[in-house]
Amino acid sequence: MHEASIALSLIDVASEVLRENGGARASALTVRVGAWSSVVPEALTAAFPACAQGTPLEGARLSVVLVPGVGECPTHGPVTLDVRRGLRCPACGAPTPTLLQGDELELDEIELAEPELEDS
């Protein structure tokens, strides 16, 4: 399951962003995952909590936004692709070798956790 290594990489990137911006902890992450990225969103979501233990993202919620594949058909222009049909226009069946979107794996948003108040 390569999603665990992807979760670790996302945690590294998010931790660096937190350090650069003075944030101590994150309460949520949003990740954009393309339908053609070879990432299984459910596996990524399942791997994330264990990978985040002991980091500033421990306990953070991971939201995955699935980005559909869009290809460029020579006849119909941009078309939404079905992974099961491959890189072919759903309207005419023509090859759509140019993928315009759908192979993303992007850290889209980090929600900072509320600072913990110290007892006096």
C-alpha atoms as a PDB file:
ATOM      1  CA  MET A   1       0.000   0.000   0.000  1.00  0.00           C
ATOM      2  CA  HIS A   2       1.851   3.061  -1.241  1.00  0.00           C
ATOM      3  CA  GLU A   3      -0.776   5.331   0.307  1.00  0.00           C
ATOM      4  CA  ALA A   4       1.093   5.142   3.646  1.00  0.00           C
ATOM      5  CA  SER A   5       4.189   6.665   2.027  1.00  0.00           C
ATOM      6  CA  ILE A   6       1.964   9.282   0.390  1.00  0.00           C
ATOM      7  CA  ALA A   7       0.412  10.076   3.790  1.00  0.00           C
ATOM      8  CA  LEU A   8       3.903  10.466   5.275  1.00  0.00           C
ATOM      9  CA  SER A   9       4.901  12.831   2.473  1.00  0.00           C
ATOM     10  CA  LEU A  10       1.746  14.918   2.950  1.00  0.00           C
ATOM     11  CA  ILE A  11       2.470  15.095   6.684  1.00  0.00           C
ATOM     12  CA  ASP A  12       6.042  16.247   5.965  1.00  0.00           C
ATOM     13  CA  VAL A  13       4.804  18.993   3.620  1.00  0.00           C
ATOM     14  CA  ALA A  14       2.040  20.100   5.992  1.00  0.00           C
ATOM     15  CA  SER A  15       4.436  20.120   8.967  1.00  0.00           C
ATOM     16  CA  GLU A  16       6.830  22.335   7.004  1.00  0.00           C
ATOM     17  CA  VAL A  17       3.991  24.722   6.123  1.00  0.00           C
ATOM     18  CA  LEU A  18       3.013  24.867   9.805  1.00  0.00           C
ATOM     19  CA  ARG A  19       6.620  25.676  10.815  1.00  0.00           C
ATOM     20  CA  GLU A  20       6.930  28.374   8.146  1.00  0.00           C
ATOM     21  CA  ASN A  21       3.683  30.029   9.235  1.00  0.00           C
ATOM     22  CA  GLY A  22       3.999  29.764  13.002  1.00  0.00           C
ATOM     23  CA  GLY A  23       1.250  27.201  13.414  1.00  0.00           C
ATOM     24  CA  ALA A  24       1.696  24.628  16.141  1.00  0.00           C
ATOM     25  CA  ARG A  25      -0.881  22.017  15.101  1.00  0.00           C
ATOM     26  CA  ALA A  26      -3.362  21.312  12.344  1.00  0.00           C
ATOM     27  CA  SER A  27      -6.929  20.175  12.938  1.00  0.00           C
ATOM     28  CA  ALA A  28      -7.696  19.301   9.316  1.00  0.00           C
ATOM     29  CA  LEU A  29      -6.091  18.787   5.914  1.00  0.00           C
ATOM     30  CA  THR A  30      -7.754  18.813   2.522  1.00  0.00           C
ATOM     31  CA  VAL A  31      -6.067  16.923  -0.286  1.00  0.00           C
ATOM     32  CA  ARG A  32      -7.038  16.927  -3.967  1.00  0.00           C
ATOM     33  CA  VAL A  33      -6.617  13.472  -5.524  1.00  0.00           C
ATOM     34  CA  GLY A  34      -7.086  12.926  -9.238  1.00  0.00           C
ATOM     35  CA  ALA A  35      -9.091   9.961 -10.472  1.00  0.00           C
ATOM     36  CA  TRP A  36      -6.095   9.044 -12.657  1.00  0.00           C
ATOM     37  CA  SER A  37      -3.453   9.504  -9.927  1.00  0.00           C
ATOM     38  CA  SER A  38      -3.273   5.818  -8.908  1.00  0.00           C
ATOM     39  CA  VAL A  39      -4.057   6.856  -5.321  1.00  0.00           C
ATOM     40  CA  VAL A  40      -6.889   5.037  -3.559  1.00  0.00           C
ATOM     41  CA  PRO A  41      -8.608   7.722  -1.452  1.00  0.00           C
ATOM     42  CA  GLU A  42      -9.981   5.211   1.077  1.00  0.00           C
ATOM     43  CA  ALA A  43      -6.528   3.704   1.618  1.00  0.00           C
ATOM     44  CA  LEU A  44      -4.987   7.161   2.046  1.00  0.00           C
ATOM     45  CA  THR A  45      -7.661   8.105   4.578  1.00  0.00           C
ATOM     46  CA  ALA A  46      -7.127   4.824   6.444  1.00  0.00           C
ATOM     47  CA  ALA A  47      -3.322   5.207   6.536  1.00  0.00           C
ATOM     48  CA  PHE A  48      -3.292   8.850   7.631  1.00  0.00           C
ATOM     49  CA  PRO A  49      -4.076   8.547  11.397  1.00  0.00           C
ATOM     50  CA  ALA A  50      -1.277   6.030  12.078  1.00  0.00           C
ATOM     51  CA  CYS A  51       1.199   8.024   9.991  1.00  0.00           C
ATOM     52  CA  ALA A  52       0.294  11.267  11.797  1.00  0.00           C
ATOM     53  CA  GLN A  53       0.974   9.932  15.313  1.00  0.00           C
ATOM     54  CA  GLY A  54       3.593  11.997  17.102  1.00  0.00           C
ATOM     55  CA  THR A  55       3.437  14.835  14.536  1.00  0.00           C
ATOM     56  CA  PRO A  56       1.708  18.240  14.558  1.00  0.00           C
ATOM     57  CA  LEU A  57      -1.037  16.560  12.529  1.00  0.00           C
ATOM     58  CA  GLU A  58      -1.924  13.900  15.073  1.00  0.00           C
ATOM     59  CA  GLY A  59      -5.702  13.895  15.454  1.00  0.00           C
ATOM     60  CA  ALA A  60      -6.232  16.018  12.330  1.00  0.00           C
ATOM     61  CA  ARG A  61      -9.078  15.158   9.986  1.00  0.00           C
ATOM     62  CA  LEU A  62      -8.097  14.291   6.406  1.00  0.00           C
ATOM     63  CA  SER A  63     -10.583  15.257   3.697  1.00  0.00           C
ATOM     64  CA  VAL A  64     -10.032  13.971   0.183  1.00  0.00           C
ATOM     65  CA  VAL A  65     -11.515  15.815  -2.785  1.00  0.00           C
ATOM     66  CA  LEU A  66     -11.673  13.571  -5.849  1.00  0.00           C
ATOM     67  CA  VAL A  67     -10.770  15.391  -9.063  1.00  0.00           C
ATOM     68  CA  PRO A  68     -12.315  13.825 -12.176  1.00  0.00           C
ATOM     69  CA  GLY A  69     -10.194  13.065 -15.207  1.00  0.00           C
ATOM     70  CA  VAL A  70     -10.666  15.487 -18.081  1.00  0.00           C
ATOM     71  CA  GLY A  71      -9.161  14.800 -21.479  1.00  0.00           C
ATOM     72  CA  GLU A  72      -8.952  16.793 -24.698  1.00  0.00           C
ATOM     73  CA  CYS A  73     -10.989  15.221 -27.513  1.00  0.00           C
ATOM     74  CA  PRO A  74     -10.020  16.508 -30.979  1.00  0.00           C
ATOM     75  CA  THR A  75     -13.730  16.740 -31.866  1.00  0.00           C
ATOM     76  CA  HIS A  76     -15.528  17.570 -28.620  1.00  0.00           C
ATOM     77  CA  GLY A  77     -12.858  19.520 -26.720  1.00  0.00           C
ATOM     78  CA  PRO A  78     -12.561  18.903 -22.957  1.00  0.00           C
ATOM     79  CA  VAL A  79     -14.495  15.785 -21.863  1.00  0.00           C
ATOM     80  CA  THR A  80     -14.829  13.999 -18.532  1.00  0.00           C
ATOM     81  CA  LEU A  81     -13.136  10.609 -18.779  1.00  0.00           C
ATOM     82  CA  ASP A  82     -14.172   7.311 -17.255  1.00  0.00           C
ATOM     83  CA  VAL A  83     -11.174   5.397 -15.856  1.00  0.00           C
ATOM     84  CA  ARG A  84     -12.774   2.118 -16.966  1.00  0.00           C
ATOM     85  CA  ARG A  85     -12.864   3.288 -20.620  1.00  0.00           C
ATOM     86  CA  GLY A  86      -9.333   4.643 -20.643  1.00  0.00           C
ATOM     87  CA  LEU A  87      -8.185   7.763 -22.454  1.00  0.00           C
ATOM     88  CA  ARG A  88     -11.089   7.825 -24.909  1.00  0.00           C
ATOM     89  CA  CYS A  89     -13.806  10.396 -25.500  1.00  0.00           C
ATOM     90  CA  PRO A  90     -17.060   9.175 -23.926  1.00  0.00           C
ATOM     91  CA  ALA A  91     -19.047  10.753 -26.788  1.00  0.00           C
ATOM     92  CA  CYS A  92     -17.207   9.441 -29.860  1.00  0.00           C
ATOM     93  CA  GLY A  93     -14.556   7.006 -28.618  1.00  0.00           C
ATOM     94  CA  ALA A  94     -11.679   9.011 -30.095  1.00  0.00           C
ATOM     95  CA  PRO A  95      -8.342   8.806 -28.263  1.00  0.00           C
ATOM     96  CA  THR A  96      -7.803  11.666 -25.814  1.00  0.00           C
ATOM     97  CA  PRO A  97      -4.055  11.430 -25.173  1.00  0.00           C
ATOM     98  CA  THR A  98      -3.878  14.774 -23.377  1.00  0.00           C
ATOM     99  CA  LEU A  99      -5.053  14.623 -19.762  1.00  0.00           C
ATOM    100  CA  LEU A 100      -6.042  18.152 -18.711  1.00  0.00           C
ATOM    101  CA  GLN A 101      -6.805  17.242 -15.098  1.00  0.00           C
ATOM    102  CA  GLY A 102      -7.207  14.167 -12.974  1.00  0.00           C
ATOM    103  CA  ASP A 103      -3.651  13.150 -12.108  1.00  0.00           C
ATOM    104  CA  GLU A 104      -3.358  15.592  -9.191  1.00  0.00           C
ATOM    105  CA  LEU A 105      -2.110  14.827  -5.738  1.00  0.00           C
ATOM    106  CA  GLU A 106      -2.107  18.189  -3.991  1.00  0.00           C
ATOM    107  CA  LEU A 107      -2.226  19.455  -0.441  1.00  0.00           C
ATOM    108  CA  ASP A 108      -4.994  22.003  -0.894  1.00  0.00           C
ATOM    109  CA  GLU A 109      -5.760  23.328   2.569  1.00  0.00           C
ATOM    110  CA  ILE A 110      -4.505  23.185   6.151  1.00  0.00           C
ATOM    111  CA  GLU A 111      -6.793  24.167   9.009  1.00  0.00           C
ATOM    112  CA  LEU A 112      -4.910  25.345  12.072  1.00  0.00           C
ATOM    113  CA  ALA A 113      -5.903  23.954  15.447  1.00  0.00           C
ATOM    114  CA  GLU A 114      -6.962  26.372  18.138  1.00  0.00           C
ATOM    115  CA  PRO A 115      -4.042  27.049  20.491  1.00  0.00           C
ATOM    116  CA  GLU A 116      -4.312  25.194  23.767  1.00  0.00           C
ATOM    117  CA  LEU A 117      -4.811  27.445  26.768  1.00  0.00           C
ATOM    118  CA  GLU A 118      -2.437  26.920  29.635  1.00  0.00           C
ATOM    119  CA  ASP A 119      -3.852  26.553  33.144  1.00  0.00           C
ATOM    120  CA  SER A 120      -2.889  29.395  35.469  1.00  0.00           C
END
